[in-house]
Amino acid sequence: DGLREDLVLTEYESKFVERGMNIHRLEAVIGE
């Protein structure tokens, strides 16, 4: 839905987004 400007991108991520590649993401909840 557009670049997630609330998230800091890595070098790789910036390149991949420019190429139209999908970025997969998740958050794992560990602590009690």
PDB file of all heavy atoms in Angstrom:
ATOM      1  N   ASP A   1       0.821  -1.211   0.000  1.00  0.00           N
ATOM      2  CA  ASP A   1       0.000   0.000   0.000  1.00  0.00           C
ATOM      3  C   ASP A   1       0.855   1.261   0.000  1.00  0.00           C
ATOM      4  O   ASP A   1       0.375   2.350   0.340  1.00  0.00           O
ATOM      5  CB  ASP A   1      -0.940   0.009   1.208  1.00  0.00           C
ATOM      6  CG  ASP A   1      -1.943  -1.124   1.168  1.00  0.00           C
ATOM      7  OD1 ASP A   1      -2.410  -1.448   0.055  1.00  0.00           O
ATOM      8  OD2 ASP A   1      -2.238  -1.702   2.224  1.00  0.00           O
ATOM      9  N   GLY A   2       2.117   1.126  -0.370  1.00  0.00           N
ATOM     10  CA  GLY A   2       3.037   2.256  -0.342  1.00  0.00           C
ATOM     11  C   GLY A   2       4.133   2.024   0.681  1.00  0.00           C
ATOM     12  O   GLY A   2       3.990   1.216   1.600  1.00  0.00           O
ATOM     13  N   LEU A   3       5.208   2.721   0.504  1.00  0.00           N
ATOM     14  CA  LEU A   3       6.366   2.539   1.369  1.00  0.00           C
ATOM     15  C   LEU A   3       6.013   2.816   2.819  1.00  0.00           C
ATOM     16  O   LEU A   3       5.446   3.870   3.140  1.00  0.00           O
ATOM     17  CB  LEU A   3       7.495   3.475   0.918  1.00  0.00           C
ATOM     18  CG  LEU A   3       8.897   3.148   1.408  1.00  0.00           C
ATOM     19  CD1 LEU A   3       9.356   1.809   0.837  1.00  0.00           C
ATOM     20  CD2 LEU A   3       9.870   4.250   0.998  1.00  0.00           C
ATOM     21  N   ARG A   4       6.340   1.860   3.700  1.00  0.00           N
ATOM     22  CA  ARG A   4       6.071   2.022   5.136  1.00  0.00           C
ATOM     23  C   ARG A   4       7.108   2.957   5.746  1.00  0.00           C
ATOM     24  O   ARG A   4       8.151   2.543   6.226  1.00  0.00           O
ATOM     25  CB  ARG A   4       6.112   0.661   5.820  1.00  0.00           C
ATOM     26  CG  ARG A   4       4.907  -0.218   5.551  1.00  0.00           C
ATOM     27  CD  ARG A   4       3.699   0.222   6.378  1.00  0.00           C
ATOM     28  NE  ARG A   4       3.995   0.201   7.800  1.00  0.00           N
ATOM     29  CZ  ARG A   4       3.884  -0.892   8.579  1.00  0.00           C
ATOM     30  NH1 ARG A   4       3.479  -2.026   8.054  1.00  0.00           N
ATOM     31  NH2 ARG A   4       4.168  -0.831   9.861  1.00  0.00           N
ATOM     32  N   GLU A   5       6.818   4.241   5.725  1.00  0.00           N
ATOM     33  CA  GLU A   5       7.774   5.231   6.208  1.00  0.00           C
ATOM     34  C   GLU A   5       7.911   5.225   7.726  1.00  0.00           C
ATOM     35  O   GLU A   5       8.809   5.863   8.273  1.00  0.00           O
ATOM     36  CB  GLU A   5       7.383   6.619   5.702  1.00  0.00           C
ATOM     37  CG  GLU A   5       7.458   6.736   4.181  1.00  0.00           C
ATOM     38  CD  GLU A   5       7.162   8.127   3.685  1.00  0.00           C
ATOM     39  OE1 GLU A   5       6.846   8.998   4.527  1.00  0.00           O
ATOM     40  OE2 GLU A   5       7.245   8.352   2.466  1.00  0.00           O
ATOM     41  N   ASP A   6       7.000   4.508   8.411  1.00  0.00           N
ATOM     42  CA  ASP A   6       7.116   4.398   9.865  1.00  0.00           C
ATOM     43  C   ASP A   6       8.186   3.386  10.257  1.00  0.00           C
ATOM     44  O   ASP A   6       8.585   3.324  11.424  1.00  0.00           O
ATOM     45  CB  ASP A   6       5.781   3.983  10.485  1.00  0.00           C
ATOM     46  CG  ASP A   6       5.264   2.655   9.927  1.00  0.00           C
ATOM     47  OD1 ASP A   6       5.298   2.491   8.693  1.00  0.00           O
ATOM     48  OD2 ASP A   6       4.846   1.800  10.727  1.00  0.00           O
ATOM     49  N   LEU A   7       8.650   2.586   9.278  1.00  0.00           N
ATOM     50  CA  LEU A   7       9.667   1.581   9.539  1.00  0.00           C
ATOM     51  C   LEU A   7      10.994   2.001   8.918  1.00  0.00           C
ATOM     52  O   LEU A   7      11.027   2.563   7.824  1.00  0.00           O
ATOM     53  CB  LEU A   7       9.242   0.225   8.956  1.00  0.00           C
ATOM     54  CG  LEU A   7       7.940  -0.369   9.481  1.00  0.00           C
ATOM     55  CD1 LEU A   7       7.612  -1.653   8.729  1.00  0.00           C
ATOM     56  CD2 LEU A   7       8.037  -0.647  10.980  1.00  0.00           C
ATOM     57  N   VAL A   8      12.084   1.718   9.611  1.00  0.00           N
ATOM     58  CA  VAL A   8      13.411   1.993   9.063  1.00  0.00           C
ATOM     59  C   VAL A   8      13.779   0.866   8.101  1.00  0.00           C
ATOM     60  O   VAL A   8      13.678  -0.310   8.439  1.00  0.00           O
ATOM     61  CB  VAL A   8      14.472   2.099  10.178  1.00  0.00           C
ATOM     62  CG1 VAL A   8      15.868   2.226   9.585  1.00  0.00           C
ATOM     63  CG2 VAL A   8      14.163   3.307  11.080  1.00  0.00           C
ATOM     64  N   LEU A   9      14.201   1.223   6.897  1.00  0.00           N
ATOM     65  CA  LEU A   9      14.547   0.231   5.888  1.00  0.00           C
ATOM     66  C   LEU A   9      16.045  -0.076   5.918  1.00  0.00           C
ATOM     67  O   LEU A   9      16.863   0.776   6.268  1.00  0.00           O
ATOM     68  CB  LEU A   9      14.177   0.735   4.483  1.00  0.00           C
ATOM     69  CG  LEU A   9      12.728   0.531   4.024  1.00  0.00           C
ATOM     70  CD1 LEU A   9      11.746   1.274   4.914  1.00  0.00           C
ATOM     71  CD2 LEU A   9      12.573   0.978   2.581  1.00  0.00           C
ATOM     72  N   THR A  10      16.386  -1.294   5.534  1.00  0.00           N
ATOM     73  CA  THR A  10      17.786  -1.675   5.381  1.00  0.00           C
ATOM     74  C   THR A  10      18.241  -1.333   3.963  1.00  0.00           C
ATOM     75  O   THR A  10      17.432  -0.985   3.097  1.00  0.00           O
ATOM     76  CB  THR A  10      17.988  -3.184   5.612  1.00  0.00           C
ATOM     77  OG1 THR A  10      17.456  -3.898   4.486  1.00  0.00           O
ATOM     78  CG2 THR A  10      17.301  -3.648   6.884  1.00  0.00           C
ATOM     79  N   GLU A  11      19.559  -1.453   3.710  1.00  0.00           N
ATOM     80  CA  GLU A  11      20.070  -1.231   2.354  1.00  0.00           C
ATOM     81  C   GLU A  11      19.397  -2.170   1.356  1.00  0.00           C
ATOM     82  O   GLU A  11      18.960  -1.749   0.282  1.00  0.00           O
ATOM     83  CB  GLU A  11      21.593  -1.445   2.303  1.00  0.00           C
ATOM     84  CG  GLU A  11      22.411  -0.381   2.987  1.00  0.00           C
ATOM     85  CD  GLU A  11      22.769  -0.722   4.434  1.00  0.00           C
ATOM     86  OE1 GLU A  11      22.166  -1.671   4.976  1.00  0.00           O
ATOM     87  OE2 GLU A  11      23.620  -0.055   5.010  1.00  0.00           O
ATOM     88  N   TYR A  12      19.345  -3.451   1.705  1.00  0.00           N
ATOM     89  CA  TYR A  12      18.732  -4.437   0.826  1.00  0.00           C
ATOM     90  C   TYR A  12      17.265  -4.119   0.573  1.00  0.00           C
ATOM     91  O   TYR A  12      16.772  -4.204  -0.553  1.00  0.00           O
ATOM     92  CB  TYR A  12      18.852  -5.845   1.426  1.00  0.00           C
ATOM     93  CG  TYR A  12      20.197  -6.484   1.265  1.00  0.00           C
ATOM     94  CD1 TYR A  12      20.918  -6.914   2.380  1.00  0.00           C
ATOM     95  CD2 TYR A  12      20.754  -6.692   0.013  1.00  0.00           C
ATOM     96  CE1 TYR A  12      22.157  -7.521   2.239  1.00  0.00           C
ATOM     97  CE2 TYR A  12      21.991  -7.299  -0.139  1.00  0.00           C
ATOM     98  CZ  TYR A  12      22.694  -7.716   0.983  1.00  0.00           C
ATOM     99  OH  TYR A  12      23.913  -8.304   0.843  1.00  0.00           O
ATOM    100  N   GLU A  13      16.561  -3.766   1.621  1.00  0.00           N
ATOM    101  CA  GLU A  13      15.130  -3.526   1.496  1.00  0.00           C
ATOM    102  C   GLU A  13      14.836  -2.395   0.524  1.00  0.00           C
ATOM    103  O   GLU A  13      13.916  -2.497  -0.310  1.00  0.00           O
ATOM    104  CB  GLU A  13      14.540  -3.205   2.871  1.00  0.00           C
ATOM    105  CG  GLU A  13      13.037  -3.120   2.899  1.00  0.00           C
ATOM    106  CD  GLU A  13      12.498  -3.009   4.309  1.00  0.00           C
ATOM    107  OE1 GLU A  13      13.310  -2.909   5.253  1.00  0.00           O
ATOM    108  OE2 GLU A  13      11.267  -3.021   4.469  1.00  0.00           O
ATOM    109  N   SER A  14      15.599  -1.323   0.609  1.00  0.00           N
ATOM    110  CA  SER A  14      15.387  -0.193  -0.296  1.00  0.00           C
ATOM    111  C   SER A  14      15.537  -0.629  -1.751  1.00  0.00           C
ATOM    112  O   SER A  14      14.737  -0.259  -2.617  1.00  0.00           O
ATOM    113  CB  SER A  14      16.392   0.927   0.020  1.00  0.00           C
ATOM    114  OG  SER A  14      16.207   1.420   1.330  1.00  0.00           O
ATOM    115  N   LYS A  15      16.560  -1.431  -2.022  1.00  0.00           N
ATOM    116  CA  LYS A  15      16.793  -1.916  -3.387  1.00  0.00           C
ATOM    117  C   LYS A  15      15.659  -2.836  -3.834  1.00  0.00           C
ATOM    118  O   LYS A  15      15.180  -2.742  -4.966  1.00  0.00           O
ATOM    119  CB  LYS A  15      18.124  -2.653  -3.453  1.00  0.00           C
ATOM    120  CG  LYS A  15      19.337  -1.775  -3.237  1.00  0.00           C
ATOM    121  CD  LYS A  15      20.624  -2.599  -3.260  1.00  0.00           C
ATOM    122  CE  LYS A  15      21.841  -1.720  -3.010  1.00  0.00           C
ATOM    123  NZ  LYS A  15      23.097  -2.517  -2.970  1.00  0.00           N
ATOM    124  N   PHE A  16      15.245  -3.740  -2.950  1.00  0.00           N
ATOM    125  CA  PHE A  16      14.204  -4.699  -3.313  1.00  0.00           C
ATOM    126  C   PHE A  16      12.878  -4.002  -3.597  1.00  0.00           C
ATOM    127  O   PHE A  16      12.155  -4.373  -4.524  1.00  0.00           O
ATOM    128  CB  PHE A  16      14.024  -5.727  -2.192  1.00  0.00           C
ATOM    129  CG  PHE A  16      15.219  -6.617  -1.987  1.00  0.00           C
ATOM    130  CD1 PHE A  16      15.475  -7.187  -0.743  1.00  0.00           C
ATOM    131  CD2 PHE A  16      16.091  -6.886  -3.025  1.00  0.00           C
ATOM    132  CE1 PHE A  16      16.573  -8.017  -0.557  1.00  0.00           C
ATOM    133  CE2 PHE A  16      17.186  -7.714  -2.846  1.00  0.00           C
ATOM    134  CZ  PHE A  16      17.424  -8.279  -1.606  1.00  0.00           C
ATOM    135  N   VAL A  17      12.548  -2.994  -2.784  1.00  0.00           N
ATOM    136  CA  VAL A  17      11.293  -2.266  -2.979  1.00  0.00           C
ATOM    137  C   VAL A  17      11.313  -1.529  -4.312  1.00  0.00           C
ATOM    138  O   VAL A  17      10.314  -1.493  -5.040  1.00  0.00           O
ATOM    139  CB  VAL A  17      11.055  -1.285  -1.812  1.00  0.00           C
ATOM    140  CG1 VAL A  17       9.855  -0.386  -2.113  1.00  0.00           C
ATOM    141  CG2 VAL A  17      10.807  -2.049  -0.511  1.00  0.00           C
ATOM    142  N   GLU A  18      12.443  -0.946  -4.654  1.00  0.00           N
ATOM    143  CA  GLU A  18      12.580  -0.251  -5.943  1.00  0.00           C
ATOM    144  C   GLU A  18      12.348  -1.206  -7.112  1.00  0.00           C
ATOM    145  O   GLU A  18      11.837  -0.806  -8.158  1.00  0.00           O
ATOM    146  CB  GLU A  18      13.963   0.381  -6.057  1.00  0.00           C
ATOM    147  CG  GLU A  18      14.170   1.598  -5.164  1.00  0.00           C
ATOM    148  CD  GLU A  18      15.572   2.163  -5.271  1.00  0.00           C
ATOM    149  OE1 GLU A  18      16.369   1.617  -6.071  1.00  0.00           O
ATOM    150  OE2 GLU A  18      15.872   3.148  -4.569  1.00  0.00           O
ATOM    151  N   ARG A  19      12.731  -2.458  -6.935  1.00  0.00           N
ATOM    152  CA  ARG A  19      12.557  -3.464  -7.987  1.00  0.00           C
ATOM    153  C   ARG A  19      11.162  -4.084  -7.983  1.00  0.00           C
ATOM    154  O   ARG A  19      10.854  -4.949  -8.794  1.00  0.00           O
ATOM    155  CB  ARG A  19      13.598  -4.575  -7.812  1.00  0.00           C
ATOM    156  CG  ARG A  19      15.033  -4.109  -7.954  1.00  0.00           C
ATOM    157  CD  ARG A  19      15.987  -5.230  -7.601  1.00  0.00           C
ATOM    158  NE  ARG A  19      17.370  -4.775  -7.554  1.00  0.00           N
ATOM    159  CZ  ARG A  19      18.392  -5.513  -7.079  1.00  0.00           C
ATOM    160  NH1 ARG A  19      18.146  -6.746  -6.626  1.00  0.00           N
ATOM    161  NH2 ARG A  19      19.609  -5.031  -7.067  1.00  0.00           N
ATOM    162  N   GLY A  20      10.318  -3.674  -7.048  1.00  0.00           N
ATOM    163  CA  GLY A  20       8.967  -4.203  -6.972  1.00  0.00           C
ATOM    164  C   GLY A  20       8.870  -5.564  -6.311  1.00  0.00           C
ATOM    165  O   GLY A  20       7.860  -6.263  -6.469  1.00  0.00           O
ATOM    166  N   MET A  21       9.894  -5.947  -5.564  1.00  0.00           N
ATOM    167  CA  MET A  21       9.888  -7.254  -4.906  1.00  0.00           C
ATOM    168  C   MET A  21       9.090  -7.202  -3.604  1.00  0.00           C
ATOM    169  O   MET A  21       9.065  -6.182  -2.918  1.00  0.00           O
ATOM    170  CB  MET A  21      11.333  -7.698  -4.627  1.00  0.00           C
ATOM    171  CG  MET A  21      12.168  -7.873  -5.878  1.00  0.00           C
ATOM    172  SD  MET A  21      13.936  -8.134  -5.539  1.00  0.00           S
ATOM    173  CE  MET A  21      13.879  -9.680  -4.616  1.00  0.00           C
ATOM    174  N   ASN A  22       8.447  -8.297  -3.275  1.00  0.00           N
ATOM    175  CA  ASN A  22       7.685  -8.392  -2.029  1.00  0.00           C
ATOM    176  C   ASN A  22       8.616  -8.541  -0.833  1.00  0.00           C
ATOM    177  O   ASN A  22       9.588  -9.292  -0.881  1.00  0.00           O
ATOM    178  CB  ASN A  22       6.735  -9.587  -2.061  1.00  0.00           C
ATOM    179  CG  ASN A  22       5.563  -9.367  -2.998  1.00  0.00           C
ATOM    180  OD1 ASN A  22       5.453  -8.319  -3.635  1.00  0.00           O
ATOM    181  ND2 ASN A  22       4.687 -10.344  -3.086  1.00  0.00           N
ATOM    182  N   ILE A  23       8.280  -7.833   0.230  1.00  0.00           N
ATOM    183  CA  ILE A  23       8.990  -7.966   1.491  1.00  0.00           C
ATOM    184  C   ILE A  23       8.066  -8.665   2.472  1.00  0.00           C
ATOM    185  O   ILE A  23       6.925  -8.243   2.685  1.00  0.00           O
ATOM    186  CB  ILE A  23       9.414  -6.593   2.064  1.00  0.00           C
ATOM    187  CG1 ILE A  23      10.245  -5.812   1.035  1.00  0.00           C
ATOM    188  CG2 ILE A  23      10.178  -6.775   3.370  1.00  0.00           C
ATOM    189  CD1 ILE A  23      11.511  -6.501   0.588  1.00  0.00           C
ATOM    190  N   HIS A  24       8.545  -9.753   3.070  1.00  0.00           N
ATOM    191  CA  HIS A  24       7.768 -10.512   4.047  1.00  0.00           C
ATOM    192  C   HIS A  24       8.213 -10.106   5.456  1.00  0.00           C
ATOM    193  O   HIS A  24       9.414  -9.936   5.706  1.00  0.00           O
ATOM    194  CB  HIS A  24       7.983 -12.008   3.847  1.00  0.00           C
ATOM    195  CG  HIS A  24       7.902 -12.439   2.411  1.00  0.00           C
ATOM    196  ND1 HIS A  24       6.798 -12.194   1.621  1.00  0.00           N
ATOM    197  CD2 HIS A  24       8.790 -13.095   1.622  1.00  0.00           C
ATOM    198  CE1 HIS A  24       6.999 -12.690   0.418  1.00  0.00           C
ATOM    199  NE2 HIS A  24       8.205 -13.229   0.387  1.00  0.00           N
ATOM    200  N   ARG A  25       7.261  -9.985   6.353  1.00  0.00           N
ATOM    201  CA  ARG A  25       7.603  -9.546   7.710  1.00  0.00           C
ATOM    202  C   ARG A  25       6.672 -10.179   8.735  1.00  0.00           C
ATOM    203  O   ARG A  25       5.502 -10.454   8.447  1.00  0.00           O
ATOM    204  CB  ARG A  25       7.511  -8.022   7.826  1.00  0.00           C
ATOM    205  CG  ARG A  25       7.919  -7.452   9.192  1.00  0.00           C
ATOM    206  CD  ARG A  25       7.835  -5.923   9.184  1.00  0.00           C
ATOM    207  NE  ARG A  25       8.312  -5.354  10.420  1.00  0.00           N
ATOM    208  CZ  ARG A  25       7.557  -5.148  11.511  1.00  0.00           C
ATOM    209  NH1 ARG A  25       6.261  -5.481  11.486  1.00  0.00           N
ATOM    210  NH2 ARG A  25       8.068  -4.624  12.610  1.00  0.00           N
ATOM    211  N   LEU A  26       7.198 -10.395   9.930  1.00  0.00           N
ATOM    212  CA  LEU A  26       6.392 -10.856  11.053  1.00  0.00           C
ATOM    213  C   LEU A  26       7.035 -10.407  12.359  1.00  0.00           C
ATOM    214  O   LEU A  26       8.204 -10.030  12.399  1.00  0.00           O
ATOM    215  CB  LEU A  26       6.235 -12.379  11.042  1.00  0.00           C
ATOM    216  CG  LEU A  26       7.477 -13.267  11.178  1.00  0.00           C
ATOM    217  CD1 LEU A  26       7.974 -13.377  12.635  1.00  0.00           C
ATOM    218  CD2 LEU A  26       7.184 -14.659  10.646  1.00  0.00           C
ATOM    219  N   GLU A  27       6.236 -10.442  13.407  1.00  0.00           N
ATOM    220  CA  GLU A  27       6.715 -10.189  14.761  1.00  0.00           C
ATOM    221  C   GLU A  27       6.378 -11.395  15.622  1.00  0.00           C
ATOM    222  O   GLU A  27       5.223 -11.846  15.634  1.00  0.00           O
ATOM    223  CB  GLU A  27       6.057  -8.929  15.340  1.00  0.00           C
ATOM    224  CG  GLU A  27       6.388  -7.667  14.567  1.00  0.00           C
ATOM    225  CD  GLU A  27       5.571  -6.465  14.989  1.00  0.00           C
ATOM    226  OE1 GLU A  27       4.798  -6.576  15.972  1.00  0.00           O
ATOM    227  OE2 GLU A  27       5.684  -5.411  14.329  1.00  0.00           O
ATOM    228  N   ALA A  28       7.377 -11.928  16.303  1.00  0.00           N
ATOM    229  CA  ALA A  28       7.186 -13.070  17.193  1.00  0.00           C
ATOM    230  C   ALA A  28       7.173 -12.582  18.637  1.00  0.00           C
ATOM    231  O   ALA A  28       8.077 -11.857  19.057  1.00  0.00           O
ATOM    232  CB  ALA A  28       8.303 -14.090  16.983  1.00  0.00           C
ATOM    233  N   VAL A  29       6.147 -12.955  19.366  1.00  0.00           N
ATOM    234  CA  VAL A  29       5.989 -12.521  20.753  1.00  0.00           C
ATOM    235  C   VAL A  29       6.517 -13.628  21.668  1.00  0.00           C
ATOM    236  O   VAL A  29       5.971 -14.735  21.691  1.00  0.00           O
ATOM    237  CB  VAL A  29       4.510 -12.222  21.065  1.00  0.00           C
ATOM    238  CG1 VAL A  29       4.377 -11.578  22.436  1.00  0.00           C
ATOM    239  CG2 VAL A  29       3.914 -11.306  19.992  1.00  0.00           C
ATOM    240  N   ILE A  30       7.558 -13.318  22.423  1.00  0.00           N
ATOM    241  CA  ILE A  30       8.267 -14.345  23.195  1.00  0.00           C
ATOM    242  C   ILE A  30       8.042 -14.231  24.708  1.00  0.00           C
ATOM    243  O   ILE A  30       7.621 -15.181  25.360  1.00  0.00           O
ATOM    244  CB  ILE A  30       9.783 -14.276  22.902  1.00  0.00           C
ATOM    245  CG1 ILE A  30      10.062 -14.387  21.408  1.00  0.00           C
ATOM    246  CG2 ILE A  30      10.513 -15.361  23.689  1.00  0.00           C
ATOM    247  CD1 ILE A  30       9.690 -15.695  20.780  1.00  0.00           C
ATOM    248  N   GLY A  31       8.357 -13.089  25.275  1.00  0.00           N
ATOM    249  CA  GLY A  31       8.325 -12.916  26.729  1.00  0.00           C
ATOM    250  C   GLY A  31       6.930 -12.952  27.324  1.00  0.00           C
ATOM    251  O   GLY A  31       5.944 -12.607  26.657  1.00  0.00           O
ATOM    252  N   GLU A  32       6.827 -13.337  28.578  1.00  0.00           N
ATOM    253  CA  GLU A  32       5.525 -13.462  29.244  1.00  0.00           C
ATOM    254  C   GLU A  32       4.790 -12.130  29.319  1.00  0.00           C
ATOM    255  O   GLU A  32       3.579 -12.068  29.106  1.00  0.00           O
ATOM    256  CB  GLU A  32       5.718 -14.041  30.652  1.00  0.00           C
ATOM    257  CG  GLU A  32       6.088 -15.513  30.665  1.00  0.00           C
ATOM    258  CD  GLU A  32       5.031 -16.373  29.986  1.00  0.00           C
ATOM    259  OE1 GLU A  32       3.825 -16.096  30.178  1.00  0.00           O
ATOM    260  OE2 GLU A  32       5.408 -17.310  29.263  1.00  0.00           O
TER     261      GLU A  32
END
